[in-house]
Amino acid sequence: MKRPKLGGAVYILPNLLTAGNLFWGFFAINKALTGEWAMSGAAILLAAVFDVLDGRVARLTKGTSEFGVQFDSLCDLVSFGCAPAIMMHQYGLSNFGRVGWLICFLFMACGALRLARFNVQSSIGKASGDFTGLPIPMAAFVIATFMLVTNELHNDPHSWLGQLYNQYIQEAAFKSLFLLIVSPLLSLAMVSNIVYRSHKVLKIRGIKPFKILAVSLFVITLLAYQPEALGFLFAAFYALSGPVEWALGWKKLTEDDEIFTPLEDHSIIESESDDSDDTEGAKY
């Protein structure tokens, strides 16, 4: 039996938010090409905000659809795969010639593989818990916050962090070398079988409200003091958390051989009477 039709707004609103993700990803590319690093990095963060909102709104309004899942992944590839790759190339990796642009391509390609694997795992019910591999938004978050914090510290020579930065690490060679090393590591983390914790499995119900309030105030204070540096530290910590937990034996590697299982004939033949709005997806 077909489910009753829902209002068009139920499906339009989440996909409009997804389009917002795409807009900010394109905006980041545009600003990277003109050398406006602060605007470019901030646009990546805004794209991540819209990426979170579209999934939340889709679940709250019960407006998830297979179209939304595919549209979301395509937009993610632009915002968190293509945009950071162009940013890195323009920021300093272009100095390394062919090696530089190949490293940028590797980041984008591994991001595409990560998204494709996630979509297949979602379709077979294997993506409901922790993540397999570093999520592509977090990989882009590392790149974007690095550019934001270096730009901010360069323009703030009076703070102790700014003085430390301008005295030791402001050289362009350091920035290029950092991206030259970190970008392949992020690419490898995205396509690895290392498990990363998901916010979906966090349990905070047992924590006392007063403790949550106290920790929240502490975090807000740190954000007010140096949001760029704190954002970079958070992104770097999360990117390292998976390999550290695996090395310590807290998490085991996952298997993903089932993603290459051939499609059955009955799963690829659709009736002409089927309506695409009747298909629910596992949007995240």
C-alpha atoms as a PDB file:
ATOM      1  CA  MET A   1       0.000   0.000   0.000  1.00  0.00           C
ATOM      2  CA  LYS A   2       1.196   3.462  -0.817  1.00  0.00           C
ATOM      3  CA  ARG A   3       1.688   5.900   2.019  1.00  0.00           C
ATOM      4  CA  PRO A   4      -0.504   9.002   2.015  1.00  0.00           C
ATOM      5  CA  LYS A   5       0.944  11.979   0.196  1.00  0.00           C
ATOM      6  CA  LEU A   6       2.507  14.630   2.363  1.00  0.00           C
ATOM      7  CA  GLY A   7       2.694  18.315   1.630  1.00  0.00           C
ATOM      8  CA  GLY A   8       5.366  19.393  -0.811  1.00  0.00           C
ATOM      9  CA  ALA A   9       6.937  21.673   1.792  1.00  0.00           C
ATOM     10  CA  VAL A  10       7.904  18.613   3.832  1.00  0.00           C
ATOM     11  CA  TYR A  11      10.330  17.635   1.079  1.00  0.00           C
ATOM     12  CA  ILE A  12      11.188  21.102  -0.222  1.00  0.00           C
ATOM     13  CA  LEU A  13      12.454  22.568   3.064  1.00  0.00           C
ATOM     14  CA  PRO A  14      15.209  19.973   3.780  1.00  0.00           C
ATOM     15  CA  ASN A  15      16.400  20.158   0.176  1.00  0.00           C
ATOM     16  CA  LEU A  16      16.459  23.955   0.279  1.00  0.00           C
ATOM     17  CA  LEU A  17      18.760  23.681   3.285  1.00  0.00           C
ATOM     18  CA  THR A  18      20.884  21.218   1.321  1.00  0.00           C
ATOM     19  CA  ALA A  19      21.033  23.773  -1.491  1.00  0.00           C
ATOM     20  CA  GLY A  20      22.265  26.264   1.119  1.00  0.00           C
ATOM     21  CA  ASN A  21      25.094  23.836   1.849  1.00  0.00           C
ATOM     22  CA  LEU A  22      25.934  23.841  -1.871  1.00  0.00           C
ATOM     23  CA  PHE A  23      25.765  27.641  -2.053  1.00  0.00           C
ATOM     24  CA  TRP A  24      28.290  28.126   0.739  1.00  0.00           C
ATOM     25  CA  GLY A  25      30.560  25.482  -0.772  1.00  0.00           C
ATOM     26  CA  PHE A  26      30.575  27.346  -4.082  1.00  0.00           C
ATOM     27  CA  PHE A  27      31.068  30.610  -2.208  1.00  0.00           C
ATOM     28  CA  ALA A  28      34.131  29.093  -0.494  1.00  0.00           C
ATOM     29  CA  ILE A  29      35.586  28.134  -3.879  1.00  0.00           C
ATOM     30  CA  ASN A  30      34.980  31.632  -5.220  1.00  0.00           C
ATOM     31  CA  LYS A  31      36.707  33.299  -2.264  1.00  0.00           C
ATOM     32  CA  ALA A  32      39.615  30.840  -2.366  1.00  0.00           C
ATOM     33  CA  LEU A  33      40.286  31.758  -5.994  1.00  0.00           C
ATOM     34  CA  THR A  34      40.573  35.422  -4.992  1.00  0.00           C
ATOM     35  CA  GLY A  35      42.727  34.730  -1.932  1.00  0.00           C
ATOM     36  CA  GLU A  36      40.147  35.702   0.697  1.00  0.00           C
ATOM     37  CA  TRP A  37      41.019  32.930   3.131  1.00  0.00           C
ATOM     38  CA  ALA A  38      38.936  34.080   6.095  1.00  0.00           C
ATOM     39  CA  MET A  39      35.777  34.269   3.986  1.00  0.00           C
ATOM     40  CA  SER A  40      36.545  30.964   2.315  1.00  0.00           C
ATOM     41  CA  GLY A  41      37.126  29.124   5.595  1.00  0.00           C
ATOM     42  CA  ALA A  42      34.041  30.652   7.191  1.00  0.00           C
ATOM     43  CA  ALA A  43      31.947  29.557   4.205  1.00  0.00           C
ATOM     44  CA  ILE A  44      33.028  25.944   4.758  1.00  0.00           C
ATOM     45  CA  LEU A  45      31.824  26.173   8.360  1.00  0.00           C
ATOM     46  CA  LEU A  46      28.495  27.642   7.236  1.00  0.00           C
ATOM     47  CA  ALA A  47      28.119  24.814   4.731  1.00  0.00           C
ATOM     48  CA  ALA A  48      28.605  22.373   7.608  1.00  0.00           C
ATOM     49  CA  VAL A  49      25.852  24.124   9.580  1.00  0.00           C
ATOM     50  CA  PHE A  50      23.410  23.731   6.685  1.00  0.00           C
ATOM     51  CA  ASP A  51      24.544  20.113   6.261  1.00  0.00           C
ATOM     52  CA  VAL A  52      23.528  19.391   9.849  1.00  0.00           C
ATOM     53  CA  LEU A  53      20.278  21.330   9.636  1.00  0.00           C
ATOM     54  CA  ASP A  54      18.954  19.635   6.508  1.00  0.00           C
ATOM     55  CA  GLY A  55      19.194  16.186   8.051  1.00  0.00           C
ATOM     56  CA  ARG A  56      17.630  17.337  11.326  1.00  0.00           C
ATOM     57  CA  VAL A  57      14.742  19.068   9.559  1.00  0.00           C
ATOM     58  CA  ALA A  58      14.163  16.066   7.281  1.00  0.00           C
ATOM     59  CA  ARG A  59      13.868  13.736  10.263  1.00  0.00           C
ATOM     60  CA  LEU A  60      11.694  16.096  12.321  1.00  0.00           C
ATOM     61  CA  THR A  61       9.255  16.685   9.459  1.00  0.00           C
ATOM     62  CA  LYS A  62       9.457  13.059   8.247  1.00  0.00           C
ATOM     63  CA  GLY A  63      10.479  14.408   4.889  1.00  0.00           C
ATOM     64  CA  THR A  64      13.399  12.083   4.211  1.00  0.00           C
ATOM     65  CA  SER A  65      13.636  10.748   0.683  1.00  0.00           C
ATOM     66  CA  GLU A  66      16.072   8.909  -1.537  1.00  0.00           C
ATOM     67  CA  PHE A  67      16.368  12.066  -3.635  1.00  0.00           C
ATOM     68  CA  GLY A  68      17.394  13.996  -0.507  1.00  0.00           C
ATOM     69  CA  VAL A  69      20.082  11.442   0.316  1.00  0.00           C
ATOM     70  CA  GLN A  70      21.664  11.635  -3.131  1.00  0.00           C
ATOM     71  CA  PHE A  71      21.333  15.423  -3.374  1.00  0.00           C
ATOM     72  CA  ASP A  72      22.963  15.796   0.041  1.00  0.00           C
ATOM     73  CA  SER A  73      25.959  13.687  -0.951  1.00  0.00           C
ATOM     74  CA  LEU A  74      26.478  15.586  -4.202  1.00  0.00           C
ATOM     75  CA  CYS A  75      26.423  18.899  -2.332  1.00  0.00           C
ATOM     76  CA  ASP A  76      28.782  17.520   0.325  1.00  0.00           C
ATOM     77  CA  LEU A  77      31.294  16.577  -2.354  1.00  0.00           C
ATOM     78  CA  VAL A  78      31.333  20.162  -3.594  1.00  0.00           C
ATOM     79  CA  SER A  79      31.411  21.843  -0.171  1.00  0.00           C
ATOM     80  CA  PHE A  80      33.703  19.449   1.705  1.00  0.00           C
ATOM     81  CA  GLY A  81      35.647  17.797  -1.112  1.00  0.00           C
ATOM     82  CA  CYS A  82      36.119  20.196  -4.007  1.00  0.00           C
ATOM     83  CA  ALA A  83      36.164  23.457  -2.014  1.00  0.00           C
ATOM     84  CA  PRO A  84      38.884  22.416   0.502  1.00  0.00           C
ATOM     85  CA  ALA A  85      40.963  20.936  -2.326  1.00  0.00           C
ATOM     86  CA  ILE A  86      40.915  24.236  -4.241  1.00  0.00           C
ATOM     87  CA  MET A  87      41.564  26.163  -1.015  1.00  0.00           C
ATOM     88  CA  MET A  88      44.662  24.083  -0.253  1.00  0.00           C
ATOM     89  CA  HIS A  89      45.983  24.428  -3.787  1.00  0.00           C
ATOM     90  CA  GLN A  90      45.566  28.204  -3.789  1.00  0.00           C
ATOM     91  CA  TYR A  91      46.824  28.579  -0.217  1.00  0.00           C
ATOM     92  CA  GLY A  92      50.221  27.017  -0.770  1.00  0.00           C
ATOM     93  CA  LEU A  93      50.246  23.604  -2.422  1.00  0.00           C
ATOM     94  CA  SER A  94      50.502  25.191  -5.868  1.00  0.00           C
ATOM     95  CA  ASN A  95      54.143  25.863  -4.975  1.00  0.00           C
ATOM     96  CA  PHE A  96      54.816  22.122  -5.211  1.00  0.00           C
ATOM     97  CA  GLY A  97      53.758  21.860  -8.842  1.00  0.00           C
ATOM     98  CA  ARG A  98      52.317  18.531  -9.932  1.00  0.00           C
ATOM     99  CA  VAL A  99      52.691  17.003  -6.482  1.00  0.00           C
ATOM    100  CA  GLY A 100      50.620  19.810  -4.995  1.00  0.00           C
ATOM    101  CA  TRP A 101      47.599  19.482  -7.264  1.00  0.00           C
ATOM    102  CA  LEU A 102      47.711  15.689  -7.123  1.00  0.00           C
ATOM    103  CA  ILE A 103      47.500  15.853  -3.332  1.00  0.00           C
ATOM    104  CA  CYS A 104      44.481  18.134  -3.668  1.00  0.00           C
ATOM    105  CA  PHE A 105      42.898  15.717  -6.131  1.00  0.00           C
ATOM    106  CA  LEU A 106      43.558  12.831  -3.737  1.00  0.00           C
ATOM    107  CA  PHE A 107      41.697  14.652  -0.971  1.00  0.00           C
ATOM    108  CA  MET A 108      38.671  15.243  -3.221  1.00  0.00           C
ATOM    109  CA  ALA A 109      38.688  11.687  -4.613  1.00  0.00           C
ATOM    110  CA  CYS A 110      38.905  10.086  -1.170  1.00  0.00           C
ATOM    111  CA  GLY A 111      36.047  12.317  -0.045  1.00  0.00           C
ATOM    112  CA  ALA A 112      33.938  11.011  -2.944  1.00  0.00           C
ATOM    113  CA  LEU A 113      34.781   7.422  -1.982  1.00  0.00           C
ATOM    114  CA  ARG A 114      33.856   8.161   1.625  1.00  0.00           C
ATOM    115  CA  LEU A 115      30.456   9.543   0.625  1.00  0.00           C
ATOM    116  CA  ALA A 116      29.740   6.652  -1.747  1.00  0.00           C
ATOM    117  CA  ARG A 117      30.594   4.106   0.941  1.00  0.00           C
ATOM    118  CA  PHE A 118      28.382   5.881   3.470  1.00  0.00           C
ATOM    119  CA  ASN A 119      25.434   5.901   1.052  1.00  0.00           C
ATOM    120  CA  VAL A 120      25.746   2.175   0.386  1.00  0.00           C
ATOM    121  CA  GLN A 121      26.134   1.392   4.090  1.00  0.00           C
ATOM    122  CA  SER A 122      23.029   3.470   4.813  1.00  0.00           C
ATOM    123  CA  SER A 123      21.017   1.595   2.190  1.00  0.00           C
ATOM    124  CA  ILE A 124      21.886  -1.774   3.772  1.00  0.00           C
ATOM    125  CA  GLY A 125      21.476  -0.599   7.367  1.00  0.00           C
ATOM    126  CA  LYS A 126      25.175  -0.479   8.264  1.00  0.00           C
ATOM    127  CA  ALA A 127      25.494   3.246   9.017  1.00  0.00           C
ATOM    128  CA  SER A 128      23.271   3.726  12.042  1.00  0.00           C
ATOM    129  CA  GLY A 129      26.023   3.867  14.663  1.00  0.00           C
ATOM    130  CA  ASP A 130      29.616   5.049  14.628  1.00  0.00           C
ATOM    131  CA  PHE A 131      31.267   6.211  11.422  1.00  0.00           C
ATOM    132  CA  THR A 132      33.583   4.053   9.310  1.00  0.00           C
ATOM    133  CA  GLY A 133      36.376   6.396   8.321  1.00  0.00           C
ATOM    134  CA  LEU A 134      36.696  10.109   9.022  1.00  0.00           C
ATOM    135  CA  PRO A 135      33.526  11.934   7.890  1.00  0.00           C
ATOM    136  CA  ILE A 136      34.266  14.272   5.004  1.00  0.00           C
ATOM    137  CA  PRO A 137      32.826  17.373   6.767  1.00  0.00           C
ATOM    138  CA  MET A 138      35.313  16.908   9.614  1.00  0.00           C
ATOM    139  CA  ALA A 139      38.217  16.515   7.180  1.00  0.00           C
ATOM    140  CA  ALA A 140      37.176  19.788   5.536  1.00  0.00           C
ATOM    141  CA  PHE A 141      36.755  21.297   9.008  1.00  0.00           C
ATOM    142  CA  VAL A 142      40.457  20.661   9.750  1.00  0.00           C
ATOM    143  CA  ILE A 143      41.519  22.484   6.577  1.00  0.00           C
ATOM    144  CA  ALA A 144      39.084  25.380   7.006  1.00  0.00           C
ATOM    145  CA  THR A 145      39.893  26.030  10.678  1.00  0.00           C
ATOM    146  CA  PHE A 146      43.632  25.849   9.965  1.00  0.00           C
ATOM    147  CA  MET A 147      43.265  28.647   7.425  1.00  0.00           C
ATOM    148  CA  LEU A 148      41.038  30.619   9.769  1.00  0.00           C
ATOM    149  CA  VAL A 149      43.386  30.371  12.746  1.00  0.00           C
ATOM    150  CA  THR A 150      46.517  31.235  10.743  1.00  0.00           C
ATOM    151  CA  ASN A 151      44.760  34.219   9.190  1.00  0.00           C
ATOM    152  CA  GLU A 152      43.458  35.421  12.559  1.00  0.00           C
ATOM    153  CA  LEU A 153      46.787  35.059  14.370  1.00  0.00           C
ATOM    154  CA  HIS A 154      48.587  36.871  11.566  1.00  0.00           C
ATOM    155  CA  ASN A 155      46.226  39.823  12.012  1.00  0.00           C
ATOM    156  CA  ASP A 156      46.409  39.771  15.824  1.00  0.00           C
ATOM    157  CA  PRO A 157      50.083  40.284  16.764  1.00  0.00           C
ATOM    158  CA  HIS A 158      49.278  41.645  20.244  1.00  0.00           C
ATOM    159  CA  SER A 159      47.880  38.459  21.826  1.00  0.00           C
ATOM    160  CA  TRP A 160      50.271  35.838  23.155  1.00  0.00           C
ATOM    161  CA  LEU A 161      49.114  33.352  20.529  1.00  0.00           C
ATOM    162  CA  GLY A 162      49.600  35.964  17.819  1.00  0.00           C
ATOM    163  CA  GLN A 163      53.098  36.774  19.059  1.00  0.00           C
ATOM    164  CA  LEU A 164      53.996  33.074  19.145  1.00  0.00           C
ATOM    165  CA  TYR A 165      52.657  32.577  15.648  1.00  0.00           C
ATOM    166  CA  ASN A 166      54.351  35.633  14.133  1.00  0.00           C
ATOM    167  CA  GLN A 167      57.651  34.769  15.793  1.00  0.00           C
ATOM    168  CA  TYR A 168      57.941  31.122  14.825  1.00  0.00           C
ATOM    169  CA  ILE A 169      55.420  29.811  12.305  1.00  0.00           C
ATOM    170  CA  GLN A 170      54.131  32.613  10.099  1.00  0.00           C
ATOM    171  CA  GLU A 171      56.325  31.653   7.146  1.00  0.00           C
ATOM    172  CA  ALA A 172      54.464  30.522   4.045  1.00  0.00           C
ATOM    173  CA  ALA A 173      56.756  27.492   3.826  1.00  0.00           C
ATOM    174  CA  PHE A 174      55.414  26.189   7.134  1.00  0.00           C
ATOM    175  CA  LYS A 175      51.791  26.524   6.012  1.00  0.00           C
ATOM    176  CA  SER A 176      52.500  24.739   2.748  1.00  0.00           C
ATOM    177  CA  LEU A 177      54.423  21.968   4.503  1.00  0.00           C
ATOM    178  CA  PHE A 178      51.593  21.507   7.003  1.00  0.00           C
ATOM    179  CA  LEU A 179      49.054  21.019   4.212  1.00  0.00           C
ATOM    180  CA  LEU A 180      51.470  18.805   2.282  1.00  0.00           C
ATOM    181  CA  ILE A 181      51.630  16.404   5.256  1.00  0.00           C
ATOM    182  CA  VAL A 182      48.138  16.686   6.711  1.00  0.00           C
ATOM    183  CA  SER A 183      46.103  16.482   3.508  1.00  0.00           C
ATOM    184  CA  PRO A 184      47.211  12.920   2.548  1.00  0.00           C
ATOM    185  CA  LEU A 185      46.678  11.813   6.153  1.00  0.00           C
ATOM    186  CA  LEU A 186      43.126  13.165   6.114  1.00  0.00           C
ATOM    187  CA  SER A 187      42.546  11.461   2.759  1.00  0.00           C
ATOM    188  CA  LEU A 188      43.731   8.156   4.178  1.00  0.00           C
ATOM    189  CA  ALA A 189      41.578   8.590   7.286  1.00  0.00           C
ATOM    190  CA  MET A 190      38.444   9.131   5.167  1.00  0.00           C
ATOM    191  CA  VAL A 191      38.804   5.855   3.235  1.00  0.00           C
ATOM    192  CA  SER A 192      40.157   3.828   6.159  1.00  0.00           C
ATOM    193  CA  ASN A 193      38.175   1.278   8.180  1.00  0.00           C
ATOM    194  CA  ILE A 194      38.956   3.109  11.416  1.00  0.00           C
ATOM    195  CA  VAL A 195      35.894   3.761  13.570  1.00  0.00           C
ATOM    196  CA  TYR A 196      35.039   7.330  14.553  1.00  0.00           C
ATOM    197  CA  ARG A 197      32.467   8.068  17.212  1.00  0.00           C
ATOM    198  CA  SER A 198      29.205   9.592  16.051  1.00  0.00           C
ATOM    199  CA  HIS A 199      27.235  12.284  17.837  1.00  0.00           C
ATOM    200  CA  LYS A 200      24.189  10.069  17.284  1.00  0.00           C
ATOM    201  CA  VAL A 201      25.374   7.560  19.891  1.00  0.00           C
ATOM    202  CA  LEU A 202      26.328  10.095  22.555  1.00  0.00           C
ATOM    203  CA  LYS A 203      24.329   9.619  25.742  1.00  0.00           C
ATOM    204  CA  ILE A 204      23.920  12.712  27.895  1.00  0.00           C
ATOM    205  CA  ARG A 205      20.673  11.833  29.637  1.00  0.00           C
ATOM    206  CA  GLY A 206      22.534  10.497  32.655  1.00  0.00           C
ATOM    207  CA  ILE A 207      24.552  13.695  33.087  1.00  0.00           C
ATOM    208  CA  LYS A 208      23.225  16.202  35.596  1.00  0.00           C
ATOM    209  CA  PRO A 209      21.837  19.397  33.996  1.00  0.00           C
ATOM    210  CA  PHE A 210      24.029  21.584  36.212  1.00  0.00           C
ATOM    211  CA  LYS A 211      27.188  19.881  34.935  1.00  0.00           C
ATOM    212  CA  ILE A 212      26.057  20.332  31.337  1.00  0.00           C
ATOM    213  CA  LEU A 213      25.405  24.013  32.019  1.00  0.00           C
ATOM    214  CA  ALA A 214      28.822  24.506  33.656  1.00  0.00           C
ATOM    215  CA  VAL A 215      30.678  22.786  30.810  1.00  0.00           C
ATOM    216  CA  SER A 216      28.671  24.763  28.234  1.00  0.00           C
ATOM    217  CA  LEU A 217      29.607  28.066  29.877  1.00  0.00           C
ATOM    218  CA  PHE A 218      33.267  27.032  29.922  1.00  0.00           C
ATOM    219  CA  VAL A 219      33.181  26.157  26.214  1.00  0.00           C
ATOM    220  CA  ILE A 220      31.392  29.412  25.337  1.00  0.00           C
ATOM    221  CA  THR A 221      34.057  31.381  27.213  1.00  0.00           C
ATOM    222  CA  LEU A 222      36.830  29.667  25.269  1.00  0.00           C
ATOM    223  CA  LEU A 223      34.993  30.290  22.009  1.00  0.00           C
ATOM    224  CA  ALA A 224      34.636  33.962  22.817  1.00  0.00           C
ATOM    225  CA  TYR A 225      38.383  34.244  23.495  1.00  0.00           C
ATOM    226  CA  GLN A 226      39.721  32.452  20.425  1.00  0.00           C
ATOM    227  CA  PRO A 227      37.034  30.678  18.330  1.00  0.00           C
ATOM    228  CA  GLU A 228      39.353  29.905  15.416  1.00  0.00           C
ATOM    229  CA  ALA A 229      42.025  28.230  17.555  1.00  0.00           C
ATOM    230  CA  LEU A 230      39.463  26.254  19.556  1.00  0.00           C
ATOM    231  CA  GLY A 231      37.734  25.128  16.374  1.00  0.00           C
ATOM    232  CA  PHE A 232      41.018  23.917  14.909  1.00  0.00           C
ATOM    233  CA  LEU A 233      41.909  22.063  18.113  1.00  0.00           C
ATOM    234  CA  PHE A 234      38.498  20.379  18.170  1.00  0.00           C
ATOM    235  CA  ALA A 235      38.765  19.327  14.514  1.00  0.00           C
ATOM    236  CA  ALA A 236      42.324  18.032  14.965  1.00  0.00           C
ATOM    237  CA  PHE A 237      41.356  16.167  18.140  1.00  0.00           C
ATOM    238  CA  TYR A 238      38.454  14.440  16.411  1.00  0.00           C
ATOM    239  CA  ALA A 239      40.581  13.514  13.373  1.00  0.00           C
ATOM    240  CA  LEU A 240      43.153  11.927  15.709  1.00  0.00           C
ATOM    241  CA  SER A 241      40.609  10.265  18.012  1.00  0.00           C
ATOM    242  CA  GLY A 242      39.868   7.367  15.654  1.00  0.00           C
ATOM    243  CA  PRO A 243      43.468   6.226  15.111  1.00  0.00           C
ATOM    244  CA  VAL A 244      44.251   6.706  18.824  1.00  0.00           C
ATOM    245  CA  GLU A 245      41.287   4.589  19.943  1.00  0.00           C
ATOM    246  CA  TRP A 246      42.226   1.899  17.419  1.00  0.00           C
ATOM    247  CA  ALA A 247      45.877   1.910  18.536  1.00  0.00           C
ATOM    248  CA  LEU A 248      44.804   1.584  22.174  1.00  0.00           C
ATOM    249  CA  GLY A 249      42.471  -1.286  21.348  1.00  0.00           C
ATOM    250  CA  TRP A 250      39.298   0.595  22.304  1.00  0.00           C
ATOM    251  CA  LYS A 251      37.823   0.284  18.820  1.00  0.00           C
ATOM    252  CA  LYS A 252      38.252  -2.396  16.160  1.00  0.00           C
ATOM    253  CA  LEU A 253      38.462  -1.922  12.417  1.00  0.00           C
ATOM    254  CA  THR A 254      35.227  -2.502  10.531  1.00  0.00           C
ATOM    255  CA  GLU A 255      34.602  -4.553   7.417  1.00  0.00           C
ATOM    256  CA  ASP A 256      33.017  -3.043   4.325  1.00  0.00           C
ATOM    257  CA  ASP A 257      33.223  -5.812   1.727  1.00  0.00           C
ATOM    258  CA  GLU A 258      29.412  -5.894   1.500  1.00  0.00           C
ATOM    259  CA  ILE A 259      29.352  -2.508  -0.247  1.00  0.00           C
ATOM    260  CA  PHE A 260      30.361  -4.233  -3.507  1.00  0.00           C
ATOM    261  CA  THR A 261      27.561  -6.796  -3.431  1.00  0.00           C
ATOM    262  CA  PRO A 262      25.963  -6.853  -6.915  1.00  0.00           C
ATOM    263  CA  LEU A 263      22.447  -5.491  -7.192  1.00  0.00           C
ATOM    264  CA  GLU A 264      19.738  -8.089  -7.756  1.00  0.00           C
ATOM    265  CA  ASP A 265      17.630  -7.708 -10.853  1.00  0.00           C
ATOM    266  CA  HIS A 266      14.501  -7.020  -8.866  1.00  0.00           C
ATOM    267  CA  SER A 267      16.176  -4.183  -6.987  1.00  0.00           C
ATOM    268  CA  ILE A 268      17.017  -2.200 -10.116  1.00  0.00           C
ATOM    269  CA  ILE A 269      13.775  -2.678 -12.051  1.00  0.00           C
ATOM    270  CA  GLU A 270      11.199  -0.148 -10.973  1.00  0.00           C
ATOM    271  CA  SER A 271       7.552  -0.075 -11.871  1.00  0.00           C
ATOM    272  CA  GLU A 272       6.464   2.859 -14.015  1.00  0.00           C
ATOM    273  CA  SER A 273       3.738   3.540 -11.466  1.00  0.00           C
ATOM    274  CA  ASP A 274       6.159   4.063  -8.575  1.00  0.00           C
ATOM    275  CA  ASP A 275       6.466   7.585  -7.249  1.00  0.00           C
ATOM    276  CA  SER A 276       9.917   8.793  -6.190  1.00  0.00           C
ATOM    277  CA  ASP A 277       8.399  10.659  -3.224  1.00  0.00           C
ATOM    278  CA  ASP A 278       7.418   7.347  -1.645  1.00  0.00           C
ATOM    279  CA  THR A 279      11.026   6.266  -1.068  1.00  0.00           C
ATOM    280  CA  GLU A 280      12.479   6.978   2.328  1.00  0.00           C
ATOM    281  CA  GLY A 281      16.257   7.369   2.748  1.00  0.00           C
ATOM    282  CA  ALA A 282      18.699   7.410   5.617  1.00  0.00           C
ATOM    283  CA  LYS A 283      19.692  11.050   5.431  1.00  0.00           C
ATOM    284  CA  TYR A 284      22.299  12.189   7.931  1.00  0.00           C
END
